[in-house]
Protein backbone atom coordinates (compact mmCIF):
# COMPACT_ATOMS: atom_id res chain seq x y z
CA MET A 1 0.00 0.00 0.00
CA LEU A 2 2.91 2.33 0.67
CA GLY A 3 4.08 1.86 -2.91
CA LYS A 4 0.83 3.43 -4.13
CA GLY A 5 1.10 6.50 -1.90
CA PRO A 6 3.00 9.76 -2.18
CA THR A 7 6.69 9.84 -3.10
CA ALA A 8 7.87 9.72 0.51
CA HIS A 9 5.74 6.64 1.15
CA ARG A 10 7.01 4.91 -2.00
CA GLN A 11 10.59 5.61 -0.94
CA LEU A 12 9.87 4.22 2.51
CA SER A 13 8.36 1.14 0.89
CA GLU A 14 11.48 0.61 -1.21
CA LEU A 15 13.75 1.10 1.80
CA ASP A 16 11.66 -1.34 3.82
CA GLY A 17 11.98 -3.90 1.01
CA ILE A 18 15.75 -3.47 0.90
CA PHE A 19 16.06 -3.94 4.65
CA GLU A 20 13.85 -7.02 4.45
CA ASN A 21 16.02 -8.57 1.73
CA VAL A 22 19.28 -7.77 3.51
CA LEU A 23 18.35 -8.51 7.11
CA HIS A 24 15.82 -11.34 6.85
CA PRO A 25 18.24 -14.19 6.03
CA ARG A 26 20.58 -13.31 8.90
CA GLU A 27 17.71 -12.72 11.29
CA SER A 28 16.15 -16.08 10.39
CA ARG A 29 19.46 -17.88 10.83
CA LEU A 30 20.13 -16.31 14.23
CA LEU A 31 16.59 -16.76 15.53
CA GLY A 32 16.67 -20.36 14.33
CA GLN A 33 19.62 -21.05 16.64
CA ILE A 34 17.75 -20.04 19.78
CA PRO A 35 15.87 -23.34 20.32
CA THR A 36 19.10 -25.32 19.99
CA GLN A 37 20.82 -23.12 22.55
CA PHE A 38 17.92 -23.51 24.99
CA GLU A 39 17.95 -27.26 24.45
CA LYS A 40 21.64 -27.37 25.39
CA ARG A 41 20.98 -25.29 28.50
CA PHE A 42 18.06 -27.53 29.47
CA VAL A 43 20.16 -30.69 29.10
CA LYS A 44 22.94 -29.14 31.21
CA LEU A 45 20.53 -28.08 33.96
CA LEU A 46 18.81 -31.46 33.92
CA LYS A 47 22.13 -33.27 34.28
CA GLN A 48 23.10 -31.04 37.22
CA HIS A 49 19.75 -31.64 38.87
CA MET A 50 19.89 -35.40 38.33
CA LYS A 51 23.47 -35.49 39.65
CA ALA A 52 22.41 -33.71 42.85
CA LEU A 53 19.53 -36.17 43.29
CA GLN A 54 21.80 -39.15 42.63
CA GLU A 55 24.41 -37.90 45.09
CA ALA A 56 21.72 -37.52 47.74
CA ALA A 57 20.42 -41.01 47.02
CA ASP A 58 23.93 -42.49 47.15
CA ALA A 59 24.51 -40.82 50.51
CA ASP A 60 21.12 -42.13 51.68
CA GLU A 61 19.97 -38.58 52.32
CA PRO A 62 16.71 -36.91 51.40
CA ALA A 63 16.67 -35.09 48.11
CA PRO A 64 18.36 -31.70 48.47
CA ARG A 65 16.16 -28.70 48.85
CA THR A 66 17.10 -26.46 46.00
CA THR A 67 15.48 -23.63 44.20
CA PRO A 68 13.39 -24.77 41.26
CA TRP A 69 16.04 -25.88 38.80
CA LEU A 70 14.11 -24.78 35.72
CA ALA A 71 13.34 -21.27 36.97
CA PRO A 72 16.44 -19.61 35.43
CA LEU A 73 15.83 -21.32 32.09
CA ARG A 74 12.17 -20.37 32.12
CA GLU A 75 13.07 -16.74 32.80
CA ALA A 76 15.66 -16.73 30.01
CA MET A 77 13.16 -18.25 27.59
CA ARG A 78 10.57 -15.63 28.52
CA ASP A 79 13.11 -12.85 27.95
CA ALA A 80 14.12 -14.35 24.60
CA LEU A 81 10.51 -14.58 23.45
CA LEU A 82 9.82 -10.98 24.45
CA ALA A 83 12.98 -9.84 22.67
CA GLU A 84 11.97 -11.73 19.53
CA LEU A 85 8.51 -10.20 19.64
CA ASP A 86 10.05 -6.75 20.01
CA LEU A 87 12.39 -7.44 17.10
CA ARG A 88 9.59 -8.64 14.84
CA LEU A 89 7.36 -5.67 15.69
CA GLN A 90 9.99 -2.98 15.10
CA PRO A 91 9.37 -2.71 11.34
CA VAL A 92 5.62 -2.47 11.87
CA LEU A 93 6.01 0.19 14.53
CA GLY A 94 8.41 2.10 12.30
CA LEU A 95 5.93 2.10 9.44
CA ILE A 96 3.13 3.19 11.74
CA GLU A 97 5.27 6.08 12.97
CA ALA A 98 6.19 7.04 9.43
CA LEU A 99 2.56 7.07 8.35
CA THR A 100 1.22 8.90 11.39
CA PRO A 101 1.16 12.64 10.87
CA HIS A 102 3.13 14.46 13.56
CA THR A 103 3.26 18.12 14.31
CA THR A 104 6.50 19.56 15.58
CA GLN A 105 4.64 21.24 18.46
CA GLN A 106 3.50 17.86 19.85
CA GLN A 107 7.03 16.47 19.88
């Protein structure tokens, strides 16, 4: 729709297309690595947790009282999802700003 508007909107549309072509492959590659990294962290945390339980069992002691072992991973995953959402919404918010008429007095 921007391509059908005034010159400034058409230029913005072209610039947006260029950014999409340049940044999308890298963005997709990097975002695609996130699940693998979280899987590695999960496996590491699970091994640590299982080791602590096994050590307690070997020593014939009750299971150790620890903080929930998945809490740090859950928090990191939440932060990553919010960051991804923010990243994906930036172009939309930029276009909305560009299309919203502003007066210099309001800014």
